[in-house]
Structure formats: structure tokens, C-alpha cells
Amino acid sequence: MSLAQSIGMTPIDVGPLSAARYLDGMAYLNIGLNAKNGWNWTSAWKLEP
């Protein structure tokens, strides 16, 4: 978390390693959308409260 904060990001603790299953799916979707549409590879998910 310190690394993410040191580069200006806001890390979020999403719980145990079992949560990785859902995060991996989000990453796969993001990569697929970028590749298919020629979008910027620096895109990310933004979570709103």
C-alpha cells in the first residue's frame, strides 16, 4: 500500500486473497477492451463511493 501511495494512488484493501478472482476478471476485461478498441493502455477502473 505504501508503494501505491508513494506514486499518488489511493490503495484499497479488498480483503483476502480469494478476492483476487474478481479483480483478475476486471483486469482481463480492461485489457480486452483496450486491445479491441485501441484505447490508451494506461486506463484503469475508478471506484466511486
C-alpha atoms as a PDB file:
ATOM      1  CA  MET A   1       0.000   0.000   0.000  1.00  0.00           C
ATOM      2  CA  SER A   2       2.918   2.327   0.706  1.00  0.00           C
ATOM      3  CA  LEU A   3       4.192   1.909  -2.854  1.00  0.00           C
ATOM      4  CA  ALA A   4       0.837   2.884  -4.360  1.00  0.00           C
ATOM      5  CA  GLN A   5       0.600   5.897  -2.049  1.00  0.00           C
ATOM      6  CA  SER A   6       4.148   6.994  -2.891  1.00  0.00           C
ATOM      7  CA  ILE A   7       3.183   7.393  -6.573  1.00  0.00           C
ATOM      8  CA  GLY A   8       0.000   9.322  -5.836  1.00  0.00           C
ATOM      9  CA  MET A   9      -2.538   6.496  -5.934  1.00  0.00           C
ATOM     10  CA  THR A  10      -5.104   5.592  -3.294  1.00  0.00           C
ATOM     11  CA  PRO A  11      -4.819   1.881  -2.489  1.00  0.00           C
ATOM     12  CA  ILE A  12      -7.862  -0.062  -1.331  1.00  0.00           C
ATOM     13  CA  ASP A  13      -7.641  -3.177   0.829  1.00  0.00           C
ATOM     14  CA  VAL A  14     -10.112  -5.528  -0.859  1.00  0.00           C
ATOM     15  CA  GLY A  15      -9.779  -8.279   1.687  1.00  0.00           C
ATOM     16  CA  PRO A  16      -8.348 -11.775   1.480  1.00  0.00           C
ATOM     17  CA  LEU A  17      -6.551 -13.330  -1.462  1.00  0.00           C
ATOM     18  CA  SER A  18      -9.816 -15.007  -2.511  1.00  0.00           C
ATOM     19  CA  ALA A  19     -10.964 -11.570  -3.745  1.00  0.00           C
ATOM     20  CA  ALA A  20      -8.302 -11.800  -6.466  1.00  0.00           C
ATOM     21  CA  ARG A  21     -10.713 -13.918  -8.537  1.00  0.00           C
ATOM     22  CA  TYR A  22     -12.907 -10.862  -9.112  1.00  0.00           C
ATOM     23  CA  LEU A  23     -10.050  -8.399  -9.561  1.00  0.00           C
ATOM     24  CA  ASP A  24      -8.438 -10.653 -12.181  1.00  0.00           C
ATOM     25  CA  GLY A  25     -11.716 -10.664 -14.119  1.00  0.00           C
ATOM     26  CA  MET A  26     -11.825  -6.866 -14.066  1.00  0.00           C
ATOM     27  CA  ALA A  27      -8.220  -6.700 -15.306  1.00  0.00           C
ATOM     28  CA  TYR A  28      -8.960  -9.174 -18.117  1.00  0.00           C
ATOM     29  CA  LEU A  29     -11.966  -7.106 -19.198  1.00  0.00           C
ATOM     30  CA  ASN A  30      -9.909  -3.897 -19.150  1.00  0.00           C
ATOM     31  CA  ILE A  31      -7.132  -5.464 -21.237  1.00  0.00           C
ATOM     32  CA  GLY A  32      -9.645  -6.863 -23.742  1.00  0.00           C
ATOM     33  CA  LEU A  33     -11.398  -3.509 -24.155  1.00  0.00           C
ATOM     34  CA  ASN A  34      -8.087  -1.701 -24.659  1.00  0.00           C
ATOM     35  CA  ALA A  35      -6.889  -4.211 -27.251  1.00  0.00           C
ATOM     36  CA  LYS A  36     -10.156  -4.308 -29.200  1.00  0.00           C
ATOM     37  CA  ASN A  37     -10.723  -0.557 -29.285  1.00  0.00           C
ATOM     38  CA  GLY A  38      -7.150   0.729 -29.484  1.00  0.00           C
ATOM     39  CA  TRP A  39      -7.617   2.607 -26.222  1.00  0.00           C
ATOM     40  CA  ASN A  40      -4.876   4.008 -24.042  1.00  0.00           C
ATOM     41  CA  TRP A  41      -3.139   1.248 -22.079  1.00  0.00           C
ATOM     42  CA  THR A  42      -2.863   3.492 -19.027  1.00  0.00           C
ATOM     43  CA  SER A  43      -6.603   3.219 -18.331  1.00  0.00           C
ATOM     44  CA  ALA A  44      -7.853   1.893 -15.019  1.00  0.00           C
ATOM     45  CA  TRP A  45     -11.014   1.297 -13.032  1.00  0.00           C
ATOM     46  CA  LYS A  46     -12.232   4.164 -10.893  1.00  0.00           C
ATOM     47  CA  LEU A  47     -14.283   3.262  -7.846  1.00  0.00           C
ATOM     48  CA  GLU A  48     -16.721   5.860  -6.542  1.00  0.00           C
ATOM     49  CA  PRO A  49     -18.185   5.812  -3.040  1.00  0.00           C
END
